[in-house]
Amino acid sequence: MLPIILLLAFFSPLQKEPTLKKISPKAESVISRFIRAKGGESALKKIRDYAITGEVVAGERVVGTFEIFQAANRHLTIDHFPDGSSRRHGTDGEIAWNIGVDGKATILDGQEARDYMRHYETMHESLEWKNQFSAILYAGEKTIGDETANHLIFVAKDNRQINRYFSTTSGLLVREEQITGTDKDTYCLISEIREYVRDKSGCFVSRRRLNHYGADYSIEYKIISVKSNSLSDETFEVPSAVAEIRDEKSK
């Protein structure tokens, strides 16, 4: 089965007190250009939620499909596998949870929960980066494939880092690198962000992301459809199996 991943977060903001302590002028310029390249802050903020469907490809073989639902501070992913099994994970803004293919429900904790909640707390990450990170640093230019990119280092309050690379030609994000996983099993996740297209809102969205998990395993996520401003609160309700665990822990 595929590992739980930090999937695509394309869209809009959650209001929080700023935590940024340091950002270099060059890094701020790169981020501002990225926001403009995607469609601009005003256009992004008009998107309140989104629903995505897509397929998962390993080599030339489709190994699953997925549904992603996102609103500010709320998330749900449903993975479907060829054998008919499925898996879900999500957050209602208070807890992060997972239900495996065996139906077993768990509530994430520790670093795993912090990473999950931070990643899915907002739809438009680029509008919230200054609130999510304690430092954003410019680390020069780097060749990524056949293009030159500006390299930024994002440092979280717990000192976890994400390296992001933005095309010097288009201004768009083309690569991410980070250490992720559980406290007992960490690995380097490298994501290549590809094939930006303009959606119905007028914003540019990546339709393909190739994720490399360590040195030996890679899978690609291909988006089939994106629908925005269509979700209800019920979409993000915590499943009953998860609610039972939450209520038991609160006693």
C-alpha atoms as a PDB file:
ATOM      1  CA  MET A   1       0.000   0.000   0.000  1.00  0.00           C
ATOM      2  CA  LEU A   2       1.063   3.581  -0.539  1.00  0.00           C
ATOM      3  CA  PRO A   3       2.288   5.644   2.430  1.00  0.00           C
ATOM      4  CA  ILE A   4       0.256   8.573   3.734  1.00  0.00           C
ATOM      5  CA  ILE A   5       1.699  11.551   1.924  1.00  0.00           C
ATOM      6  CA  LEU A   6       1.764  15.289   2.129  1.00  0.00           C
ATOM      7  CA  LEU A   7      -0.400  15.834  -0.926  1.00  0.00           C
ATOM      8  CA  LEU A   8      -1.102  18.861  -3.036  1.00  0.00           C
ATOM      9  CA  ALA A   9      -2.193  22.043  -1.290  1.00  0.00           C
ATOM     10  CA  PHE A  10      -3.117  24.651  -3.871  1.00  0.00           C
ATOM     11  CA  PHE A  11      -5.507  27.163  -2.409  1.00  0.00           C
ATOM     12  CA  SER A  12      -6.589  29.911   0.435  1.00  0.00           C
ATOM     13  CA  PRO A  13      -5.779  31.338   3.841  1.00  0.00           C
ATOM     14  CA  LEU A  14      -6.255  30.855   7.557  1.00  0.00           C
ATOM     15  CA  GLN A  15      -5.850  33.965   9.716  1.00  0.00           C
ATOM     16  CA  LYS A  16      -3.177  33.554  12.416  1.00  0.00           C
ATOM     17  CA  GLU A  17      -0.788  35.716  14.379  1.00  0.00           C
ATOM     18  CA  PRO A  18       2.505  36.023  12.451  1.00  0.00           C
ATOM     19  CA  THR A  19       5.353  33.858  13.724  1.00  0.00           C
ATOM     20  CA  LEU A  20       7.964  34.900  11.164  1.00  0.00           C
ATOM     21  CA  LYS A  21      11.157  36.166  12.778  1.00  0.00           C
ATOM     22  CA  LYS A  22      13.399  36.397   9.740  1.00  0.00           C
ATOM     23  CA  ILE A  23      12.913  36.593   5.983  1.00  0.00           C
ATOM     24  CA  SER A  24      15.505  37.758   3.506  1.00  0.00           C
ATOM     25  CA  PRO A  25      14.438  40.448   0.978  1.00  0.00           C
ATOM     26  CA  LYS A  26      15.290  38.106  -1.906  1.00  0.00           C
ATOM     27  CA  ALA A  27      13.151  35.319  -0.405  1.00  0.00           C
ATOM     28  CA  GLU A  28      10.232  37.719   0.006  1.00  0.00           C
ATOM     29  CA  SER A  29      10.594  38.772  -3.637  1.00  0.00           C
ATOM     30  CA  VAL A  30      10.591  35.138  -4.850  1.00  0.00           C
ATOM     31  CA  ILE A  31       7.431  34.362  -2.850  1.00  0.00           C
ATOM     32  CA  SER A  32       5.653  37.486  -4.109  1.00  0.00           C
ATOM     33  CA  ARG A  33       6.484  36.546  -7.678  1.00  0.00           C
ATOM     34  CA  PHE A  34       5.174  33.011  -7.115  1.00  0.00           C
ATOM     35  CA  ILE A  35       1.836  34.358  -5.838  1.00  0.00           C
ATOM     36  CA  ARG A  36       1.525  36.605  -8.889  1.00  0.00           C
ATOM     37  CA  ALA A  37       2.478  33.731 -11.221  1.00  0.00           C
ATOM     38  CA  LYS A  38      -0.274  31.526  -9.758  1.00  0.00           C
ATOM     39  CA  GLY A  39      -2.920  34.185 -10.414  1.00  0.00           C
ATOM     40  CA  GLY A  40      -2.530  36.763  -7.682  1.00  0.00           C
ATOM     41  CA  GLU A  41      -3.634  37.035  -4.053  1.00  0.00           C
ATOM     42  CA  SER A  42      -7.108  38.388  -4.855  1.00  0.00           C
ATOM     43  CA  ALA A  43      -7.963  35.507  -7.202  1.00  0.00           C
ATOM     44  CA  LEU A  44      -6.627  32.892  -4.765  1.00  0.00           C
ATOM     45  CA  LYS A  45      -8.663  34.231  -1.851  1.00  0.00           C
ATOM     46  CA  LYS A  46     -11.896  33.818  -3.806  1.00  0.00           C
ATOM     47  CA  ILE A  47     -11.425  30.037  -3.646  1.00  0.00           C
ATOM     48  CA  ARG A  48     -12.893  28.929  -0.285  1.00  0.00           C
ATOM     49  CA  ASP A  49     -12.569  25.168  -0.756  1.00  0.00           C
ATOM     50  CA  TYR A  50     -11.787  22.567  -3.406  1.00  0.00           C
ATOM     51  CA  ALA A  51     -12.353  18.948  -4.360  1.00  0.00           C
ATOM     52  CA  ILE A  52      -9.770  17.050  -6.414  1.00  0.00           C
ATOM     53  CA  THR A  53      -9.864  13.639  -8.080  1.00  0.00           C
ATOM     54  CA  GLY A  54      -6.860  11.929  -9.595  1.00  0.00           C
ATOM     55  CA  GLU A  55      -4.880   8.771 -10.125  1.00  0.00           C
ATOM     56  CA  VAL A  56      -1.661   7.379  -8.686  1.00  0.00           C
ATOM     57  CA  VAL A  57       0.922   6.025 -11.123  1.00  0.00           C
ATOM     58  CA  ALA A  58       3.992   3.889 -10.427  1.00  0.00           C
ATOM     59  CA  GLY A  59       6.070   3.540 -13.571  1.00  0.00           C
ATOM     60  CA  GLU A  60       3.506   2.948 -16.320  1.00  0.00           C
ATOM     61  CA  ARG A  61       0.916   1.347 -14.046  1.00  0.00           C
ATOM     62  CA  VAL A  62      -2.065   3.016 -12.327  1.00  0.00           C
ATOM     63  CA  VAL A  63      -1.925   1.729  -8.738  1.00  0.00           C
ATOM     64  CA  GLY A  64      -4.808   3.707  -7.254  1.00  0.00           C
ATOM     65  CA  THR A  65      -7.045   6.737  -7.380  1.00  0.00           C
ATOM     66  CA  PHE A  66      -7.662   9.497  -4.862  1.00  0.00           C
ATOM     67  CA  GLU A  67     -10.136  12.136  -3.752  1.00  0.00           C
ATOM     68  CA  ILE A  68      -8.941  15.236  -1.885  1.00  0.00           C
ATOM     69  CA  PHE A  69     -11.189  17.736  -0.099  1.00  0.00           C
ATOM     70  CA  GLN A  70      -9.702  20.897   1.398  1.00  0.00           C
ATOM     71  CA  ALA A  71     -10.947  24.001   3.183  1.00  0.00           C
ATOM     72  CA  ALA A  72      -9.119  26.324   5.566  1.00  0.00           C
ATOM     73  CA  ASN A  73      -7.845  24.208   8.476  1.00  0.00           C
ATOM     74  CA  ARG A  74      -9.834  21.148   7.330  1.00  0.00           C
ATOM     75  CA  HIS A  75      -8.867  18.261   5.095  1.00  0.00           C
ATOM     76  CA  LEU A  76      -9.944  14.814   3.883  1.00  0.00           C
ATOM     77  CA  THR A  77      -8.150  12.379   1.554  1.00  0.00           C
ATOM     78  CA  ILE A  78      -9.670   9.087   0.395  1.00  0.00           C
ATOM     79  CA  ASP A  79      -7.341   6.640  -1.381  1.00  0.00           C
ATOM     80  CA  HIS A  80      -8.829   3.841  -3.487  1.00  0.00           C
ATOM     81  CA  PHE A  81      -6.832   0.742  -4.490  1.00  0.00           C
ATOM     82  CA  PRO A  82      -7.282  -1.749  -7.373  1.00  0.00           C
ATOM     83  CA  ASP A  83      -8.390  -4.550  -5.032  1.00  0.00           C
ATOM     84  CA  GLY A  84     -11.392  -2.480  -3.949  1.00  0.00           C
ATOM     85  CA  SER A  85      -9.965  -1.450  -0.583  1.00  0.00           C
ATOM     86  CA  SER A  86      -9.671   2.169   0.531  1.00  0.00           C
ATOM     87  CA  ARG A  87      -8.021   4.321   3.163  1.00  0.00           C
ATOM     88  CA  ARG A  88      -8.830   7.751   4.611  1.00  0.00           C
ATOM     89  CA  HIS A  89      -7.011  10.444   6.540  1.00  0.00           C
ATOM     90  CA  GLY A  90      -7.988  13.957   7.516  1.00  0.00           C
ATOM     91  CA  THR A  91      -8.316  16.753  10.039  1.00  0.00           C
ATOM     92  CA  ASP A  92     -11.213  18.809  11.340  1.00  0.00           C
ATOM     93  CA  GLY A  93      -8.806  21.479  12.561  1.00  0.00           C
ATOM     94  CA  GLU A  94      -8.600  19.963  16.044  1.00  0.00           C
ATOM     95  CA  ILE A  95      -7.149  16.480  15.498  1.00  0.00           C
ATOM     96  CA  ALA A  96      -5.455  14.592  12.660  1.00  0.00           C
ATOM     97  CA  TRP A  97      -6.640  11.038  12.065  1.00  0.00           C
ATOM     98  CA  ASN A  98      -6.164   7.993   9.850  1.00  0.00           C
ATOM     99  CA  ILE A  99      -8.293   4.954   8.975  1.00  0.00           C
ATOM    100  CA  GLY A 100      -6.278   2.192   7.310  1.00  0.00           C
ATOM    101  CA  VAL A 101      -7.379  -0.354   4.731  1.00  0.00           C
ATOM    102  CA  ASP A 102      -8.089  -2.716   7.628  1.00  0.00           C
ATOM    103  CA  GLY A 103     -10.616  -0.253   9.029  1.00  0.00           C
ATOM    104  CA  LYS A 104      -8.492   0.510  12.085  1.00  0.00           C
ATOM    105  CA  ALA A 105      -8.757   4.130  13.196  1.00  0.00           C
ATOM    106  CA  THR A 106      -5.915   6.071  14.816  1.00  0.00           C
ATOM    107  CA  ILE A 107      -5.369   9.651  15.932  1.00  0.00           C
ATOM    108  CA  LEU A 108      -1.954  11.047  15.016  1.00  0.00           C
ATOM    109  CA  ASP A 109       0.249  12.551  17.721  1.00  0.00           C
ATOM    110  CA  GLY A 110       3.730  13.950  18.238  1.00  0.00           C
ATOM    111  CA  GLN A 111       5.777  15.151  15.272  1.00  0.00           C
ATOM    112  CA  GLU A 112       3.572  13.260  12.841  1.00  0.00           C
ATOM    113  CA  ALA A 113       0.500  15.201  14.003  1.00  0.00           C
ATOM    114  CA  ARG A 114       2.347  18.531  13.970  1.00  0.00           C
ATOM    115  CA  ASP A 115       3.587  17.986  10.409  1.00  0.00           C
ATOM    116  CA  TYR A 116       0.130  16.926   9.234  1.00  0.00           C
ATOM    117  CA  MET A 117      -1.743  19.827  10.846  1.00  0.00           C
ATOM    118  CA  ARG A 118       0.782  22.379   9.613  1.00  0.00           C
ATOM    119  CA  HIS A 119       0.578  21.121   6.051  1.00  0.00           C
ATOM    120  CA  TYR A 120      -3.205  21.009   5.870  1.00  0.00           C
ATOM    121  CA  GLU A 121      -4.104  24.090   7.925  1.00  0.00           C
ATOM    122  CA  THR A 122      -4.408  26.274   4.839  1.00  0.00           C
ATOM    123  CA  MET A 123      -5.435  25.994   1.210  1.00  0.00           C
ATOM    124  CA  HIS A 124      -3.170  28.679  -0.250  1.00  0.00           C
ATOM    125  CA  GLU A 125       0.134  27.878   1.402  1.00  0.00           C
ATOM    126  CA  SER A 126       1.996  30.699  -0.309  1.00  0.00           C
ATOM    127  CA  LEU A 127      -0.272  33.292   1.361  1.00  0.00           C
ATOM    128  CA  GLU A 128       0.394  31.772   4.780  1.00  0.00           C
ATOM    129  CA  TRP A 129       4.087  30.918   4.649  1.00  0.00           C
ATOM    130  CA  LYS A 130       5.024  34.034   6.634  1.00  0.00           C
ATOM    131  CA  ASN A 131       2.662  32.893   9.400  1.00  0.00           C
ATOM    132  CA  GLN A 132       3.712  29.244   9.323  1.00  0.00           C
ATOM    133  CA  PHE A 133       7.495  29.568   9.493  1.00  0.00           C
ATOM    134  CA  SER A 134       9.923  31.270  11.850  1.00  0.00           C
ATOM    135  CA  ALA A 135      12.454  31.936   9.056  1.00  0.00           C
ATOM    136  CA  ILE A 136      12.486  31.931   5.247  1.00  0.00           C
ATOM    137  CA  LEU A 137      15.960  32.218   3.766  1.00  0.00           C
ATOM    138  CA  TYR A 138      17.311  32.648   0.240  1.00  0.00           C
ATOM    139  CA  ALA A 139      19.983  30.067  -0.637  1.00  0.00           C
ATOM    140  CA  GLY A 140      20.914  31.097  -4.187  1.00  0.00           C
ATOM    141  CA  GLU A 141      20.191  29.616  -7.593  1.00  0.00           C
ATOM    142  CA  LYS A 142      20.250  25.919  -8.441  1.00  0.00           C
ATOM    143  CA  THR A 143      19.808  23.954 -11.666  1.00  0.00           C
ATOM    144  CA  ILE A 144      16.689  21.760 -11.511  1.00  0.00           C
ATOM    145  CA  GLY A 145      16.405  19.532 -14.568  1.00  0.00           C
ATOM    146  CA  ASP A 146      16.801  21.852 -17.535  1.00  0.00           C
ATOM    147  CA  GLU A 147      15.947  25.110 -15.774  1.00  0.00           C
ATOM    148  CA  THR A 148      17.373  27.464 -13.184  1.00  0.00           C
ATOM    149  CA  ALA A 149      15.509  27.895  -9.893  1.00  0.00           C
ATOM    150  CA  ASN A 150      15.671  30.141  -6.838  1.00  0.00           C
ATOM    151  CA  HIS A 151      16.258  28.044  -3.710  1.00  0.00           C
ATOM    152  CA  LEU A 152      14.433  29.049  -0.495  1.00  0.00           C
ATOM    153  CA  ILE A 153      14.750  27.348   2.904  1.00  0.00           C
ATOM    154  CA  PHE A 154      11.646  27.402   5.109  1.00  0.00           C
ATOM    155  CA  VAL A 155      12.367  26.833   8.826  1.00  0.00           C
ATOM    156  CA  ALA A 156       9.473  25.916  11.133  1.00  0.00           C
ATOM    157  CA  LYS A 157       9.247  26.752  14.845  1.00  0.00           C
ATOM    158  CA  ASP A 158      10.308  23.182  15.670  1.00  0.00           C
ATOM    159  CA  ASN A 159      13.328  23.593  13.322  1.00  0.00           C
ATOM    160  CA  ARG A 160      11.916  21.252  10.651  1.00  0.00           C
ATOM    161  CA  GLN A 161      12.937  22.529   7.224  1.00  0.00           C
ATOM    162  CA  ILE A 162      11.445  22.489   3.744  1.00  0.00           C
ATOM    163  CA  ASN A 163      13.580  23.355   0.715  1.00  0.00           C
ATOM    164  CA  ARG A 164      11.556  24.873  -2.147  1.00  0.00           C
ATOM    165  CA  TYR A 165      12.751  25.767  -5.638  1.00  0.00           C
ATOM    166  CA  PHE A 166      11.034  28.346  -7.867  1.00  0.00           C
ATOM    167  CA  SER A 167      11.667  28.681 -11.602  1.00  0.00           C
ATOM    168  CA  THR A 168      13.555  31.860 -12.457  1.00  0.00           C
ATOM    169  CA  THR A 169      11.660  31.885 -15.787  1.00  0.00           C
ATOM    170  CA  SER A 170       8.024  31.379 -14.730  1.00  0.00           C
ATOM    171  CA  GLY A 171       8.223  32.100 -11.014  1.00  0.00           C
ATOM    172  CA  LEU A 172       6.328  28.864 -10.284  1.00  0.00           C
ATOM    173  CA  LEU A 173       7.272  26.225  -7.698  1.00  0.00           C
ATOM    174  CA  VAL A 174       9.045  23.286  -9.368  1.00  0.00           C
ATOM    175  CA  ARG A 175      10.509  21.207  -6.514  1.00  0.00           C
ATOM    176  CA  GLU A 176      10.245  20.549  -2.759  1.00  0.00           C
ATOM    177  CA  GLU A 177      12.572  18.619  -0.439  1.00  0.00           C
ATOM    178  CA  GLN A 178      11.894  17.721   3.192  1.00  0.00           C
ATOM    179  CA  ILE A 179      12.475  15.121   5.877  1.00  0.00           C
ATOM    180  CA  THR A 180       9.126  13.577   6.800  1.00  0.00           C
ATOM    181  CA  GLY A 181       7.531  10.427   8.205  1.00  0.00           C
ATOM    182  CA  THR A 182       6.977   9.233  11.760  1.00  0.00           C
ATOM    183  CA  ASP A 183       9.299   9.639  14.745  1.00  0.00           C
ATOM    184  CA  LYS A 184      10.478   6.042  14.204  1.00  0.00           C
ATOM    185  CA  ASP A 185      10.684   6.063  10.406  1.00  0.00           C
ATOM    186  CA  THR A 186      11.861   9.236   8.678  1.00  0.00           C
ATOM    187  CA  TYR A 187      12.844   9.637   5.047  1.00  0.00           C
ATOM    188  CA  CYS A 188      13.661  12.324   2.515  1.00  0.00           C
ATOM    189  CA  LEU A 189      10.646  13.258   0.412  1.00  0.00           C
ATOM    190  CA  ILE A 190      11.469  14.975  -2.891  1.00  0.00           C
ATOM    191  CA  SER A 191       8.547  16.298  -4.938  1.00  0.00           C
ATOM    192  CA  GLU A 192       8.779  17.429  -8.544  1.00  0.00           C
ATOM    193  CA  ILE A 193       5.867  19.765  -9.362  1.00  0.00           C
ATOM    194  CA  ARG A 194       4.889  19.681 -13.034  1.00  0.00           C
ATOM    195  CA  GLU A 195       2.369  20.709 -15.698  1.00  0.00           C
ATOM    196  CA  TYR A 196       0.792  23.920 -14.461  1.00  0.00           C
ATOM    197  CA  VAL A 197      -2.521  24.746 -16.130  1.00  0.00           C
ATOM    198  CA  ARG A 198      -5.011  27.566 -15.619  1.00  0.00           C
ATOM    199  CA  ASP A 199      -8.219  26.378 -13.915  1.00  0.00           C
ATOM    200  CA  LYS A 200     -11.722  27.890 -14.090  1.00  0.00           C
ATOM    201  CA  SER A 201     -10.887  30.408 -11.354  1.00  0.00           C
ATOM    202  CA  GLY A 202      -8.083  31.825 -13.486  1.00  0.00           C
ATOM    203  CA  CYS A 203      -5.342  30.484 -11.192  1.00  0.00           C
ATOM    204  CA  PHE A 204      -2.519  28.187 -12.256  1.00  0.00           C
ATOM    205  CA  VAL A 205      -2.640  24.706 -10.688  1.00  0.00           C
ATOM    206  CA  SER A 206      -0.103  21.895 -10.940  1.00  0.00           C
ATOM    207  CA  ARG A 207      -1.650  18.775 -12.497  1.00  0.00           C
ATOM    208  CA  ARG A 208       1.229  16.399 -11.772  1.00  0.00           C
ATOM    209  CA  ARG A 209       3.502  15.768  -8.804  1.00  0.00           C
ATOM    210  CA  LEU A 210       6.216  13.099  -8.817  1.00  0.00           C
ATOM    211  CA  ASN A 211       7.143  12.097  -5.260  1.00  0.00           C
ATOM    212  CA  HIS A 212      10.410  10.298  -4.474  1.00  0.00           C
ATOM    213  CA  TYR A 213      10.382   8.541  -1.079  1.00  0.00           C
ATOM    214  CA  GLY A 214      14.028   8.021  -0.241  1.00  0.00           C
ATOM    215  CA  ALA A 215      16.195   6.530  -2.975  1.00  0.00           C
ATOM    216  CA  ASP A 216      14.135   3.488  -3.956  1.00  0.00           C
ATOM    217  CA  TYR A 217      10.464   4.400  -4.330  1.00  0.00           C
ATOM    218  CA  SER A 218       8.690   6.949  -6.539  1.00  0.00           C
ATOM    219  CA  ILE A 219       5.044   7.529  -7.400  1.00  0.00           C
ATOM    220  CA  GLU A 220       3.267  10.192  -9.420  1.00  0.00           C
ATOM    221  CA  TYR A 221      -0.017  11.898  -8.615  1.00  0.00           C
ATOM    222  CA  LYS A 222      -1.985  13.034 -11.659  1.00  0.00           C
ATOM    223  CA  ILE A 223      -4.991  15.301 -11.193  1.00  0.00           C
ATOM    224  CA  ILE A 224      -8.047  14.516 -13.304  1.00  0.00           C
ATOM    225  CA  SER A 225     -10.480  17.168 -12.026  1.00  0.00           C
ATOM    226  CA  VAL A 226     -10.574  20.190  -9.707  1.00  0.00           C
ATOM    227  CA  LYS A 227     -13.809  21.722  -8.418  1.00  0.00           C
ATOM    228  CA  SER A 228     -13.895  24.734  -6.095  1.00  0.00           C
ATOM    229  CA  ASN A 229     -16.400  26.395  -3.715  1.00  0.00           C
ATOM    230  CA  SER A 230     -18.656  23.332  -3.591  1.00  0.00           C
ATOM    231  CA  LEU A 231     -18.118  21.638  -0.195  1.00  0.00           C
ATOM    232  CA  SER A 232     -20.265  21.509   2.954  1.00  0.00           C
ATOM    233  CA  ASP A 233     -19.167  21.264   6.595  1.00  0.00           C
ATOM    234  CA  GLU A 234     -20.287  17.625   6.674  1.00  0.00           C
ATOM    235  CA  THR A 235     -17.424  16.729   4.328  1.00  0.00           C
ATOM    236  CA  PHE A 236     -14.921  17.198   7.157  1.00  0.00           C
ATOM    237  CA  GLU A 237     -16.804  15.575  10.029  1.00  0.00           C
ATOM    238  CA  VAL A 238     -14.640  13.176  12.037  1.00  0.00           C
ATOM    239  CA  PRO A 239     -15.664   9.536  11.318  1.00  0.00           C
ATOM    240  CA  SER A 240     -17.448   7.758  14.168  1.00  0.00           C
ATOM    241  CA  ALA A 241     -14.544   5.327  14.681  1.00  0.00           C
ATOM    242  CA  VAL A 242     -12.180   8.270  15.197  1.00  0.00           C
ATOM    243  CA  ALA A 243     -14.679  10.152  17.367  1.00  0.00           C
ATOM    244  CA  GLU A 244     -14.866   7.178  19.717  1.00  0.00           C
ATOM    245  CA  ILE A 245     -11.091   7.242  20.243  1.00  0.00           C
ATOM    246  CA  ARG A 246     -11.100  11.020  20.699  1.00  0.00           C
ATOM    247  CA  ASP A 247     -13.896  10.883  23.268  1.00  0.00           C
ATOM    248  CA  GLU A 248     -12.185   8.068  25.169  1.00  0.00           C
ATOM    249  CA  LYS A 249      -8.931  10.052  25.357  1.00  0.00           C
ATOM    250  CA  SER A 250     -10.755  13.134  26.643  1.00  0.00           C
ATOM    251  CA  LYS A 251     -12.217  11.299  29.645  1.00  0.00           C
END
